[in-house]
Amino acid sequence: MRKIALDADPGVADALALAFALFDPNVEIVAVTSVGGWVDSQTSARNLQSLLAFLDPPRLPRIGVEKPRDVEVKKQKRNDYSTIKGGSRELASTAFNDINGFALPAVERFAPRSAATILRDAVRSHPRETSILALGPLTNVARAFRRDPELPFLLHRLVVAGGGVPFRSPTNAAEFNIVCDRQAARVVFQAPCAKTFVPADAVADLVFSLDDLQAFELRDDVVGEFLRRSLLEILRVRRQTQGSEVVCLQEFAAYFALVAPHLFSTIEAYSVDEISGNAFDIANAARRRTPVNRRPDVEIVRRVDADAVRQKIVDGFRRIVERARSHFSR
């Protein structure tokens, strides 16, 4: 069974991916940690704890939250989504207190453990078996690598929802999870571990519309209703901020790039090693030119079998509702 430590910044989309992973019978979620990104660090921590308490999965993982950063590091972390990509401030402050009229219980531990410590312990508990799935900025992963320099050698694989190479255009917009904490991204890019990056543009065909909700059959159940309203919320925000009637679920693509890599085609690339100034403001997560005396050290997803992944998502949502219904009926 594949072991995964999941680091996320929920956010509704990350919450759906987390719920999906928790109920996957072929995966063991050994740890879940929160990081500031789409929402600030404190809101992300509350959202994560409320979500896990609501779902009450049979295998409750260890939980960690992002701790306050040092002053010099904090300057590199920008949680205001609107200043980075021109998005809605409403999206930056989203908490799970009201998703289309659906409220989750407010749960917050008195003294939660540090996310970096939880990630380190999860990998060291199962060396070379545990993978880290990073759905948000790389702050926690970088901290874990700094505190334990041996950790990258013990990691099975790191999969990141973010990054990319400007193959189509040299003026691509900056990718949020990378530019949100450039200093952490630099640490992760240079880490000696197997790394896979899943850019949003590479999985643009993995989209869902309002009509696709009918296929999920998410009704007549408290968890199913939460999933349905969460998907509606993502579509609503997408329509208001970008004028689109469909949404690309990049977080799910990153999850399946880890658990079902045969559904993706990838390329090998060289990580950036001269990150300075505004390098990430032009979206260079990996450079195209070949360095001298270096081997490719990063894998980047370029295409996805969208139909196959979409069907897995539909089947997974149905499985969540069935398992949750049997749990809540006891």
C-alpha atoms as a PDB file:
ATOM      1  CA  MET A   1       0.000   0.000   0.000  1.00  0.00           C
ATOM      2  CA  ARG A   2       1.369   3.410  -0.988  1.00  0.00           C
ATOM      3  CA  LYS A   3       2.176   5.690   1.966  1.00  0.00           C
ATOM      4  CA  ILE A   4       1.603   9.430   1.515  1.00  0.00           C
ATOM      5  CA  ALA A   5       2.210  12.487   3.675  1.00  0.00           C
ATOM      6  CA  LEU A   6      -0.071  15.196   2.297  1.00  0.00           C
ATOM      7  CA  ASP A   7       0.747  18.917   2.687  1.00  0.00           C
ATOM      8  CA  ALA A   8      -2.075  21.259   1.646  1.00  0.00           C
ATOM      9  CA  ASP A   9      -3.493  24.768   2.000  1.00  0.00           C
ATOM     10  CA  PRO A  10      -7.264  24.128   2.197  1.00  0.00           C
ATOM     11  CA  GLY A  11      -8.958  25.942   0.361  1.00  0.00           C
ATOM     12  CA  VAL A  12     -11.919  24.077  -1.043  1.00  0.00           C
ATOM     13  CA  ALA A  13     -10.067  22.369  -3.901  1.00  0.00           C
ATOM     14  CA  ASP A  14      -7.356  21.006  -1.602  1.00  0.00           C
ATOM     15  CA  ALA A  15     -10.056  19.850   0.823  1.00  0.00           C
ATOM     16  CA  LEU A  16     -11.703  17.777  -1.914  1.00  0.00           C
ATOM     17  CA  ALA A  17      -8.374  16.187  -2.843  1.00  0.00           C
ATOM     18  CA  LEU A  18      -7.701  15.421   0.822  1.00  0.00           C
ATOM     19  CA  ALA A  19     -11.127  13.810   1.274  1.00  0.00           C
ATOM     20  CA  PHE A  20     -10.508  11.750  -1.854  1.00  0.00           C
ATOM     21  CA  ALA A  21      -7.137  10.523  -0.585  1.00  0.00           C
ATOM     22  CA  LEU A  22      -8.402   9.680   2.900  1.00  0.00           C
ATOM     23  CA  PHE A  23     -11.025   7.293   1.507  1.00  0.00           C
ATOM     24  CA  ASP A  24      -8.800   5.674  -1.116  1.00  0.00           C
ATOM     25  CA  PRO A  25      -8.449   1.993  -0.080  1.00  0.00           C
ATOM     26  CA  ASN A  26      -5.147   1.670  -1.952  1.00  0.00           C
ATOM     27  CA  VAL A  27      -3.454   4.527  -0.114  1.00  0.00           C
ATOM     28  CA  GLU A  28      -2.377   5.048   3.484  1.00  0.00           C
ATOM     29  CA  ILE A  29      -2.299   8.711   4.483  1.00  0.00           C
ATOM     30  CA  VAL A  30       0.325   8.663   7.222  1.00  0.00           C
ATOM     31  CA  ALA A  31       0.293  12.425   7.863  1.00  0.00           C
ATOM     32  CA  VAL A  32      -1.613  15.561   6.864  1.00  0.00           C
ATOM     33  CA  THR A  33      -0.184  19.054   7.310  1.00  0.00           C
ATOM     34  CA  SER A  34      -1.446  22.559   6.592  1.00  0.00           C
ATOM     35  CA  VAL A  35       0.399  25.474   5.024  1.00  0.00           C
ATOM     36  CA  GLY A  36      -0.598  29.041   4.236  1.00  0.00           C
ATOM     37  CA  GLY A  37      -1.247  29.711   0.569  1.00  0.00           C
ATOM     38  CA  TRP A  38      -4.720  30.178  -0.934  1.00  0.00           C
ATOM     39  CA  VAL A  39      -5.715  30.999   2.633  1.00  0.00           C
ATOM     40  CA  ASP A  40      -3.512  32.290   5.453  1.00  0.00           C
ATOM     41  CA  SER A  41      -1.690  29.871   7.745  1.00  0.00           C
ATOM     42  CA  GLN A  42      -4.131  30.146  10.652  1.00  0.00           C
ATOM     43  CA  THR A  43      -7.220  29.658   8.489  1.00  0.00           C
ATOM     44  CA  SER A  44      -5.559  26.759   6.691  1.00  0.00           C
ATOM     45  CA  ALA A  45      -4.864  25.032  10.025  1.00  0.00           C
ATOM     46  CA  ARG A  46      -8.471  25.508  11.205  1.00  0.00           C
ATOM     47  CA  ASN A  47      -9.848  24.274   7.896  1.00  0.00           C
ATOM     48  CA  LEU A  48      -7.694  21.155   7.975  1.00  0.00           C
ATOM     49  CA  GLN A  49      -8.676  20.197  11.515  1.00  0.00           C
ATOM     50  CA  SER A  50     -12.366  20.885  10.885  1.00  0.00           C
ATOM     51  CA  LEU A  51     -12.332  18.812   7.712  1.00  0.00           C
ATOM     52  CA  LEU A  52     -10.693  15.796   9.351  1.00  0.00           C
ATOM     53  CA  ALA A  53     -13.069  15.971  12.303  1.00  0.00           C
ATOM     54  CA  PHE A  54     -16.053  16.103   9.939  1.00  0.00           C
ATOM     55  CA  LEU A  55     -14.980  13.220   7.710  1.00  0.00           C
ATOM     56  CA  ASP A  56     -13.796  11.072  10.643  1.00  0.00           C
ATOM     57  CA  PRO A  57     -12.039   8.592   8.336  1.00  0.00           C
ATOM     58  CA  PRO A  58     -11.259   5.104   9.635  1.00  0.00           C
ATOM     59  CA  ARG A  59      -7.512   5.849   9.453  1.00  0.00           C
ATOM     60  CA  LEU A  60      -7.063   9.213  11.137  1.00  0.00           C
ATOM     61  CA  PRO A  61      -3.576  10.489  10.174  1.00  0.00           C
ATOM     62  CA  ARG A  62      -1.154  12.543  12.213  1.00  0.00           C
ATOM     63  CA  ILE A  63      -1.821  16.278  11.877  1.00  0.00           C
ATOM     64  CA  GLY A  64       0.633  19.175  11.742  1.00  0.00           C
ATOM     65  CA  VAL A  65       0.260  22.897  11.049  1.00  0.00           C
ATOM     66  CA  GLU A  66       2.581  25.562   9.718  1.00  0.00           C
ATOM     67  CA  LYS A  67       4.239  27.393  12.601  1.00  0.00           C
ATOM     68  CA  PRO A  68       5.072  31.142  12.530  1.00  0.00           C
ATOM     69  CA  ARG A  69       8.077  31.862  10.352  1.00  0.00           C
ATOM     70  CA  ASP A  70      11.238  33.807  11.102  1.00  0.00           C
ATOM     71  CA  VAL A  71      11.173  37.451  10.033  1.00  0.00           C
ATOM     72  CA  GLU A  72      13.572  37.002   7.130  1.00  0.00           C
ATOM     73  CA  VAL A  73      11.622  34.030   5.796  1.00  0.00           C
ATOM     74  CA  LYS A  74       8.234  35.680   6.276  1.00  0.00           C
ATOM     75  CA  LYS A  75       9.162  38.341   3.753  1.00  0.00           C
ATOM     76  CA  GLN A  76       9.314  35.616   1.095  1.00  0.00           C
ATOM     77  CA  LYS A  77       5.810  34.303   1.854  1.00  0.00           C
ATOM     78  CA  ARG A  78       2.842  36.233   0.472  1.00  0.00           C
ATOM     79  CA  ASN A  79      -0.602  34.987   1.409  1.00  0.00           C
ATOM     80  CA  ASP A  80      -2.541  37.760  -0.330  1.00  0.00           C
ATOM     81  CA  TYR A  81      -3.687  35.975  -3.485  1.00  0.00           C
ATOM     82  CA  SER A  82      -4.887  39.184  -5.118  1.00  0.00           C
ATOM     83  CA  THR A  83      -1.374  40.704  -5.183  1.00  0.00           C
ATOM     84  CA  ILE A  84       0.097  37.671  -6.942  1.00  0.00           C
ATOM     85  CA  LYS A  85      -2.374  36.692  -9.637  1.00  0.00           C
ATOM     86  CA  GLY A  86      -5.028  39.407  -9.599  1.00  0.00           C
ATOM     87  CA  GLY A  87      -7.517  37.073  -7.999  1.00  0.00           C
ATOM     88  CA  SER A  88     -10.403  37.688  -5.669  1.00  0.00           C
ATOM     89  CA  ARG A  89      -9.758  38.640  -2.042  1.00  0.00           C
ATOM     90  CA  GLU A  90     -12.816  36.605  -1.209  1.00  0.00           C
ATOM     91  CA  LEU A  91     -10.945  33.482  -2.318  1.00  0.00           C
ATOM     92  CA  ALA A  92      -7.947  34.363  -0.181  1.00  0.00           C
ATOM     93  CA  SER A  93     -10.014  34.432   3.016  1.00  0.00           C
ATOM     94  CA  THR A  94     -12.229  31.402   2.423  1.00  0.00           C
ATOM     95  CA  ALA A  95     -12.841  29.284   5.516  1.00  0.00           C
ATOM     96  CA  PHE A  96     -15.087  26.283   5.960  1.00  0.00           C
ATOM     97  CA  ASN A  97     -17.603  28.182   8.043  1.00  0.00           C
ATOM     98  CA  ASP A  98     -20.080  28.453   5.198  1.00  0.00           C
ATOM     99  CA  ILE A  99     -19.800  26.694   1.839  1.00  0.00           C
ATOM    100  CA  ASN A 100     -23.046  27.390   0.003  1.00  0.00           C
ATOM    101  CA  GLY A 101     -24.905  27.151   3.299  1.00  0.00           C
ATOM    102  CA  PHE A 102     -23.024  24.051   4.510  1.00  0.00           C
ATOM    103  CA  ALA A 103     -21.126  24.649   7.759  1.00  0.00           C
ATOM    104  CA  LEU A 104     -18.408  22.379   9.137  1.00  0.00           C
ATOM    105  CA  PRO A 105     -17.822  22.069  12.879  1.00  0.00           C
ATOM    106  CA  ALA A 106     -15.198  24.470  14.179  1.00  0.00           C
ATOM    107  CA  VAL A 107     -12.307  22.377  15.497  1.00  0.00           C
ATOM    108  CA  GLU A 108      -8.907  23.678  16.564  1.00  0.00           C
ATOM    109  CA  ARG A 109      -6.338  21.878  18.685  1.00  0.00           C
ATOM    110  CA  PHE A 110      -4.825  23.743  21.607  1.00  0.00           C
ATOM    111  CA  ALA A 111      -1.204  22.969  20.679  1.00  0.00           C
ATOM    112  CA  PRO A 112      -0.905  21.234  17.274  1.00  0.00           C
ATOM    113  CA  ARG A 113       2.496  19.933  16.242  1.00  0.00           C
ATOM    114  CA  SER A 114       4.743  21.573  13.690  1.00  0.00           C
ATOM    115  CA  ALA A 115       4.068  20.509  10.103  1.00  0.00           C
ATOM    116  CA  ALA A 116       7.786  20.173   9.341  1.00  0.00           C
ATOM    117  CA  THR A 117       8.220  17.827  12.311  1.00  0.00           C
ATOM    118  CA  ILE A 118       5.225  15.723  11.275  1.00  0.00           C
ATOM    119  CA  LEU A 119       6.551  15.402   7.696  1.00  0.00           C
ATOM    120  CA  ARG A 120      10.004  14.428   8.933  1.00  0.00           C
ATOM    121  CA  ASP A 121       8.610  11.831  11.353  1.00  0.00           C
ATOM    122  CA  ALA A 122       6.323  10.372   8.671  1.00  0.00           C
ATOM    123  CA  VAL A 123       9.199   9.835   6.244  1.00  0.00           C
ATOM    124  CA  ARG A 124      11.565   8.484   8.878  1.00  0.00           C
ATOM    125  CA  SER A 125       8.907   6.074  10.176  1.00  0.00           C
ATOM    126  CA  HIS A 126       8.777   4.434   6.731  1.00  0.00           C
ATOM    127  CA  PRO A 127      12.054   5.296   4.952  1.00  0.00           C
ATOM    128  CA  ARG A 128      12.008   5.034   1.160  1.00  0.00           C
ATOM    129  CA  GLU A 129       8.323   4.077   1.296  1.00  0.00           C
ATOM    130  CA  THR A 130       6.683   7.434   2.067  1.00  0.00           C
ATOM    131  CA  SER A 131       5.991  10.048  -0.595  1.00  0.00           C
ATOM    132  CA  ILE A 132       5.120  13.693   0.050  1.00  0.00           C
ATOM    133  CA  LEU A 133       2.266  15.218  -1.948  1.00  0.00           C
ATOM    134  CA  ALA A 134       2.536  19.027  -1.809  1.00  0.00           C
ATOM    135  CA  LEU A 135      -0.674  20.768  -2.895  1.00  0.00           C
ATOM    136  CA  GLY A 136       0.292  24.215  -1.603  1.00  0.00           C
ATOM    137  CA  PRO A 137       3.411  26.381  -1.244  1.00  0.00           C
ATOM    138  CA  LEU A 138       6.556  24.472  -0.335  1.00  0.00           C
ATOM    139  CA  THR A 139       7.202  26.128   3.041  1.00  0.00           C
ATOM    140  CA  ASN A 140       6.716  23.026   5.201  1.00  0.00           C
ATOM    141  CA  VAL A 141       8.626  20.708   2.863  1.00  0.00           C
ATOM    142  CA  ALA A 142      11.598  23.075   2.739  1.00  0.00           C
ATOM    143  CA  ARG A 143      11.634  23.382   6.533  1.00  0.00           C
ATOM    144  CA  ALA A 144      11.621  19.627   6.930  1.00  0.00           C
ATOM    145  CA  PHE A 145      14.549  19.337   4.484  1.00  0.00           C
ATOM    146  CA  ARG A 146      16.498  22.071   6.293  1.00  0.00           C
ATOM    147  CA  ARG A 147      16.004  20.488   9.716  1.00  0.00           C
ATOM    148  CA  ASP A 148      16.920  17.019   8.493  1.00  0.00           C
ATOM    149  CA  PRO A 149      19.356  17.147   5.531  1.00  0.00           C
ATOM    150  CA  GLU A 150      19.190  13.349   5.211  1.00  0.00           C
ATOM    151  CA  LEU A 151      15.417  13.408   4.685  1.00  0.00           C
ATOM    152  CA  PRO A 152      15.448  13.804   0.860  1.00  0.00           C
ATOM    153  CA  PHE A 153      17.481  10.588   0.595  1.00  0.00           C
ATOM    154  CA  LEU A 154      14.836   8.719   2.639  1.00  0.00           C
ATOM    155  CA  LEU A 155      11.887  10.030   0.624  1.00  0.00           C
ATOM    156  CA  HIS A 156      10.311   7.789  -1.997  1.00  0.00           C
ATOM    157  CA  ARG A 157       9.070  10.686  -4.166  1.00  0.00           C
ATOM    158  CA  LEU A 158       7.949  14.302  -3.904  1.00  0.00           C
ATOM    159  CA  VAL A 159       5.009  15.382  -6.096  1.00  0.00           C
ATOM    160  CA  VAL A 160       4.213  19.099  -6.300  1.00  0.00           C
ATOM    161  CA  ALA A 161       1.077  20.738  -7.699  1.00  0.00           C
ATOM    162  CA  GLY A 162       2.923  23.579  -9.385  1.00  0.00           C
ATOM    163  CA  GLY A 163       5.974  24.555 -11.357  1.00  0.00           C
ATOM    164  CA  GLY A 164       6.475  24.291 -15.085  1.00  0.00           C
ATOM    165  CA  VAL A 165       8.612  25.108 -18.072  1.00  0.00           C
ATOM    166  CA  PRO A 166       7.611  27.914 -20.476  1.00  0.00           C
ATOM    167  CA  PHE A 167       7.633  25.717 -23.587  1.00  0.00           C
ATOM    168  CA  ARG A 168       4.696  27.424 -25.221  1.00  0.00           C
ATOM    169  CA  SER A 169       5.550  30.997 -24.296  1.00  0.00           C
ATOM    170  CA  PRO A 170       8.382  32.712 -22.416  1.00  0.00           C
ATOM    171  CA  THR A 171       5.847  35.051 -20.775  1.00  0.00           C
ATOM    172  CA  ASN A 172       3.754  32.539 -18.828  1.00  0.00           C
ATOM    173  CA  ALA A 173       2.300  33.912 -15.584  1.00  0.00           C
ATOM    174  CA  ALA A 174       3.974  32.957 -12.338  1.00  0.00           C
ATOM    175  CA  GLU A 175       2.711  29.752 -10.742  1.00  0.00           C
ATOM    176  CA  PHE A 176       1.159  30.508  -7.361  1.00  0.00           C
ATOM    177  CA  ASN A 177       2.512  27.658  -5.235  1.00  0.00           C
ATOM    178  CA  ILE A 178       6.050  28.506  -6.361  1.00  0.00           C
ATOM    179  CA  VAL A 179       6.016  32.291  -6.219  1.00  0.00           C
ATOM    180  CA  CYS A 180       4.183  32.311  -2.874  1.00  0.00           C
ATOM    181  CA  ASP A 181       7.379  31.185  -1.129  1.00  0.00           C
ATOM    182  CA  ARG A 182      10.376  31.480  -3.471  1.00  0.00           C
ATOM    183  CA  GLN A 183      12.935  30.734  -0.779  1.00  0.00           C
ATOM    184  CA  ALA A 184      11.266  27.421   0.075  1.00  0.00           C
ATOM    185  CA  ALA A 185      10.934  26.567  -3.625  1.00  0.00           C
ATOM    186  CA  ARG A 186      14.659  27.019  -4.083  1.00  0.00           C
ATOM    187  CA  VAL A 187      15.407  24.601  -1.230  1.00  0.00           C
ATOM    188  CA  VAL A 188      13.034  21.991  -2.664  1.00  0.00           C
ATOM    189  CA  PHE A 189      14.289  22.326  -6.248  1.00  0.00           C
ATOM    190  CA  GLN A 190      17.849  21.663  -5.103  1.00  0.00           C
ATOM    191  CA  ALA A 191      16.957  18.756  -2.807  1.00  0.00           C
ATOM    192  CA  PRO A 192      18.470  15.391  -3.862  1.00  0.00           C
ATOM    193  CA  CYS A 193      15.204  13.435  -4.141  1.00  0.00           C
ATOM    194  CA  ALA A 194      12.935  12.202  -6.914  1.00  0.00           C
ATOM    195  CA  LYS A 195      10.663  15.131  -7.799  1.00  0.00           C
ATOM    196  CA  THR A 196       7.599  15.423 -10.036  1.00  0.00           C
ATOM    197  CA  PHE A 197       5.944  18.753 -10.819  1.00  0.00           C
ATOM    198  CA  VAL A 198       2.388  19.006 -12.134  1.00  0.00           C
ATOM    199  CA  PRO A 199       1.817  22.400 -13.820  1.00  0.00           C
ATOM    200  CA  ALA A 200      -1.740  23.609 -14.307  1.00  0.00           C
ATOM    201  CA  ASP A 201      -1.261  24.168 -18.045  1.00  0.00           C
ATOM    202  CA  ALA A 202      -0.207  20.526 -18.536  1.00  0.00           C
ATOM    203  CA  VAL A 203      -3.485  19.211 -17.097  1.00  0.00           C
ATOM    204  CA  ALA A 204      -5.789  21.838 -18.590  1.00  0.00           C
ATOM    205  CA  ASP A 205      -7.905  19.102 -20.213  1.00  0.00           C
ATOM    206  CA  LEU A 206      -8.885  17.733 -16.797  1.00  0.00           C
ATOM    207  CA  VAL A 207     -11.884  20.045 -16.389  1.00  0.00           C
ATOM    208  CA  PHE A 208     -15.297  19.792 -14.797  1.00  0.00           C
ATOM    209  CA  SER A 209     -18.469  21.738 -15.442  1.00  0.00           C
ATOM    210  CA  LEU A 210     -21.795  22.106 -13.698  1.00  0.00           C
ATOM    211  CA  ASP A 211     -23.208  19.302 -15.852  1.00  0.00           C
ATOM    212  CA  ASP A 212     -20.495  16.932 -14.632  1.00  0.00           C
ATOM    213  CA  LEU A 213     -21.862  17.191 -11.098  1.00  0.00           C
ATOM    214  CA  GLN A 214     -24.787  15.012 -12.149  1.00  0.00           C
ATOM    215  CA  ALA A 215     -22.412  12.098 -12.730  1.00  0.00           C
ATOM    216  CA  PHE A 216     -21.122  12.268  -9.155  1.00  0.00           C
ATOM    217  CA  GLU A 217     -24.527  11.444  -7.624  1.00  0.00           C
ATOM    218  CA  LEU A 218     -23.579  13.343  -4.470  1.00  0.00           C
ATOM    219  CA  ARG A 219     -26.943  13.591  -2.702  1.00  0.00           C
ATOM    220  CA  ASP A 220     -28.951  12.247   0.221  1.00  0.00           C
ATOM    221  CA  ASP A 221     -25.888  12.042   2.441  1.00  0.00           C
ATOM    222  CA  VAL A 222     -24.168  14.599   4.664  1.00  0.00           C
ATOM    223  CA  VAL A 223     -20.695  13.958   3.205  1.00  0.00           C
ATOM    224  CA  GLY A 224     -22.058  13.782  -0.341  1.00  0.00           C
ATOM    225  CA  GLU A 225     -23.810  17.114   0.179  1.00  0.00           C
ATOM    226  CA  PHE A 226     -20.571  18.664   1.419  1.00  0.00           C
ATOM    227  CA  LEU A 227     -18.697  17.417  -1.656  1.00  0.00           C
ATOM    228  CA  ARG A 228     -21.435  18.653  -3.993  1.00  0.00           C
ATOM    229  CA  ARG A 229     -21.547  22.123  -2.463  1.00  0.00           C
ATOM    230  CA  SER A 230     -17.755  22.338  -2.424  1.00  0.00           C
ATOM    231  CA  LEU A 231     -17.633  21.643  -6.166  1.00  0.00           C
ATOM    232  CA  LEU A 232     -20.323  24.267  -6.704  1.00  0.00           C
ATOM    233  CA  GLU A 233     -18.261  26.744  -4.690  1.00  0.00           C
ATOM    234  CA  ILE A 234     -15.182  26.127  -6.835  1.00  0.00           C
ATOM    235  CA  LEU A 235     -17.217  26.648  -9.996  1.00  0.00           C
ATOM    236  CA  ARG A 236     -18.779  29.822  -8.572  1.00  0.00           C
ATOM    237  CA  VAL A 237     -15.403  31.368  -7.691  1.00  0.00           C
ATOM    238  CA  ARG A 238     -13.977  30.369 -11.070  1.00  0.00           C
ATOM    239  CA  ARG A 239     -16.857  32.064 -12.866  1.00  0.00           C
ATOM    240  CA  GLN A 240     -16.583  35.245 -10.798  1.00  0.00           C
ATOM    241  CA  THR A 241     -12.801  35.611 -10.987  1.00  0.00           C
ATOM    242  CA  GLN A 242     -12.038  34.283 -14.479  1.00  0.00           C
ATOM    243  CA  GLY A 243     -15.376  34.185 -16.301  1.00  0.00           C
ATOM    244  CA  SER A 244     -15.075  30.450 -16.960  1.00  0.00           C
ATOM    245  CA  GLU A 245     -17.822  27.838 -16.684  1.00  0.00           C
ATOM    246  CA  VAL A 246     -15.351  24.978 -16.089  1.00  0.00           C
ATOM    247  CA  VAL A 247     -12.664  24.357 -13.508  1.00  0.00           C
ATOM    248  CA  CYS A 248      -9.379  22.461 -13.787  1.00  0.00           C
ATOM    249  CA  LEU A 249      -8.698  20.277 -10.744  1.00  0.00           C
ATOM    250  CA  GLN A 250      -4.902  20.517 -10.639  1.00  0.00           C
ATOM    251  CA  GLU A 251      -4.834  19.086  -7.103  1.00  0.00           C
ATOM    252  CA  PHE A 252      -6.427  15.843  -8.289  1.00  0.00           C
ATOM    253  CA  ALA A 253      -3.976  15.669 -11.172  1.00  0.00           C
ATOM    254  CA  ALA A 254      -1.077  15.872  -8.716  1.00  0.00           C
ATOM    255  CA  TYR A 255      -2.630  13.119  -6.596  1.00  0.00           C
ATOM    256  CA  PHE A 256      -3.013  10.757  -9.552  1.00  0.00           C
ATOM    257  CA  ALA A 257       0.449  11.645 -10.853  1.00  0.00           C
ATOM    258  CA  LEU A 258       1.644   9.996  -7.649  1.00  0.00           C
ATOM    259  CA  VAL A 259      -0.733   7.012  -7.375  1.00  0.00           C
ATOM    260  CA  ALA A 260      -1.339   6.342 -11.106  1.00  0.00           C
ATOM    261  CA  PRO A 261       1.701   7.705 -12.989  1.00  0.00           C
ATOM    262  CA  HIS A 262       0.925   5.540 -16.046  1.00  0.00           C
ATOM    263  CA  LEU A 263      -1.879   7.994 -16.908  1.00  0.00           C
ATOM    264  CA  PHE A 264       0.616  10.834 -17.400  1.00  0.00           C
ATOM    265  CA  SER A 265       3.410  11.598 -19.836  1.00  0.00           C
ATOM    266  CA  THR A 266       6.394  13.457 -18.441  1.00  0.00           C
ATOM    267  CA  ILE A 267       9.669  15.020 -19.502  1.00  0.00           C
ATOM    268  CA  GLU A 268      12.975  15.239 -17.676  1.00  0.00           C
ATOM    269  CA  ALA A 269      14.354  18.677 -16.959  1.00  0.00           C
ATOM    270  CA  TYR A 270      16.951  20.566 -14.925  1.00  0.00           C
ATOM    271  CA  SER A 271      15.896  22.496 -11.853  1.00  0.00           C
ATOM    272  CA  VAL A 272      16.706  26.170 -11.607  1.00  0.00           C
ATOM    273  CA  ASP A 273      19.931  26.812  -9.719  1.00  0.00           C
ATOM    274  CA  GLU A 274      20.217  30.581 -10.084  1.00  0.00           C
ATOM    275  CA  ILE A 275      17.003  31.664  -8.376  1.00  0.00           C
ATOM    276  CA  SER A 276      17.395  35.329  -7.539  1.00  0.00           C
ATOM    277  CA  GLY A 277      15.515  38.575  -7.838  1.00  0.00           C
ATOM    278  CA  ASN A 278      12.305  38.079  -9.807  1.00  0.00           C
ATOM    279  CA  ALA A 279      13.213  34.764 -11.448  1.00  0.00           C
ATOM    280  CA  PHE A 280       9.981  33.117 -10.354  1.00  0.00           C
ATOM    281  CA  ASP A 281       7.881  36.097 -11.396  1.00  0.00           C
ATOM    282  CA  ILE A 282       8.311  34.852 -14.987  1.00  0.00           C
ATOM    283  CA  ALA A 283       7.432  31.275 -14.071  1.00  0.00           C
ATOM    284  CA  ASN A 284      10.741  29.486 -14.622  1.00  0.00           C
ATOM    285  CA  ALA A 285      10.472  26.408 -12.444  1.00  0.00           C
ATOM    286  CA  ALA A 286      12.902  24.476 -14.601  1.00  0.00           C
ATOM    287  CA  ARG A 287      15.145  25.718 -17.363  1.00  0.00           C
ATOM    288  CA  ARG A 288      15.308  24.447 -20.914  1.00  0.00           C
ATOM    289  CA  ARG A 289      19.007  24.719 -21.663  1.00  0.00           C
ATOM    290  CA  THR A 290      21.189  21.747 -20.724  1.00  0.00           C
ATOM    291  CA  PRO A 291      23.736  22.461 -17.965  1.00  0.00           C
ATOM    292  CA  VAL A 292      27.230  21.099 -18.374  1.00  0.00           C
ATOM    293  CA  ASN A 293      28.032  17.909 -16.413  1.00  0.00           C
ATOM    294  CA  ARG A 294      24.543  17.593 -14.948  1.00  0.00           C
ATOM    295  CA  ARG A 295      21.878  14.929 -15.186  1.00  0.00           C
ATOM    296  CA  PRO A 296      18.149  15.752 -15.279  1.00  0.00           C
ATOM    297  CA  ASP A 297      16.941  16.051 -11.696  1.00  0.00           C
ATOM    298  CA  VAL A 298      13.238  16.825 -12.022  1.00  0.00           C
ATOM    299  CA  GLU A 299      10.268  15.276 -13.822  1.00  0.00           C
ATOM    300  CA  ILE A 300       7.559  17.536 -15.225  1.00  0.00           C
ATOM    301  CA  VAL A 301       4.110  16.401 -16.344  1.00  0.00           C
ATOM    302  CA  ARG A 302       3.248  17.565 -19.856  1.00  0.00           C
ATOM    303  CA  ARG A 303       0.097  15.566 -20.719  1.00  0.00           C
ATOM    304  CA  VAL A 304      -2.594  13.588 -18.934  1.00  0.00           C
ATOM    305  CA  ASP A 305      -5.145  10.968 -19.952  1.00  0.00           C
ATOM    306  CA  ALA A 306      -7.978  13.281 -18.894  1.00  0.00           C
ATOM    307  CA  ASP A 307     -10.818  10.821 -19.552  1.00  0.00           C
ATOM    308  CA  ALA A 308      -9.239   8.071 -17.445  1.00  0.00           C
ATOM    309  CA  VAL A 309      -8.442  10.414 -14.550  1.00  0.00           C
ATOM    310  CA  ARG A 310     -11.918  11.966 -14.713  1.00  0.00           C
ATOM    311  CA  GLN A 311     -13.512   8.529 -14.434  1.00  0.00           C
ATOM    312  CA  LYS A 312     -11.307   7.699 -11.444  1.00  0.00           C
ATOM    313  CA  ILE A 313     -12.450  10.911  -9.770  1.00  0.00           C
ATOM    314  CA  VAL A 314     -16.121  10.097 -10.376  1.00  0.00           C
ATOM    315  CA  ASP A 315     -15.673   6.564  -9.023  1.00  0.00           C
ATOM    316  CA  GLY A 316     -13.751   7.905  -6.040  1.00  0.00           C
ATOM    317  CA  PHE A 317     -16.446  10.395  -5.081  1.00  0.00           C
ATOM    318  CA  ARG A 318     -19.048   7.654  -5.207  1.00  0.00           C
ATOM    319  CA  ARG A 319     -16.838   5.488  -3.002  1.00  0.00           C
ATOM    320  CA  ILE A 320     -16.505   8.309  -0.466  1.00  0.00           C
ATOM    321  CA  VAL A 321     -20.275   8.690  -0.223  1.00  0.00           C
ATOM    322  CA  GLU A 322     -20.826   4.939   0.180  1.00  0.00           C
ATOM    323  CA  ARG A 323     -18.200   4.544   2.890  1.00  0.00           C
ATOM    324  CA  ALA A 324     -19.293   7.691   4.691  1.00  0.00           C
ATOM    325  CA  ARG A 325     -22.940   6.559   4.577  1.00  0.00           C
ATOM    326  CA  SER A 326     -22.058   3.233   6.207  1.00  0.00           C
ATOM    327  CA  HIS A 327     -19.981   5.026   8.836  1.00  0.00           C
ATOM    328  CA  PHE A 328     -22.593   7.619   9.782  1.00  0.00           C
ATOM    329  CA  SER A 329     -25.369   5.022   9.834  1.00  0.00           C
ATOM    330  CA  ARG A 330     -23.675   3.086  12.654  1.00  0.00           C
END
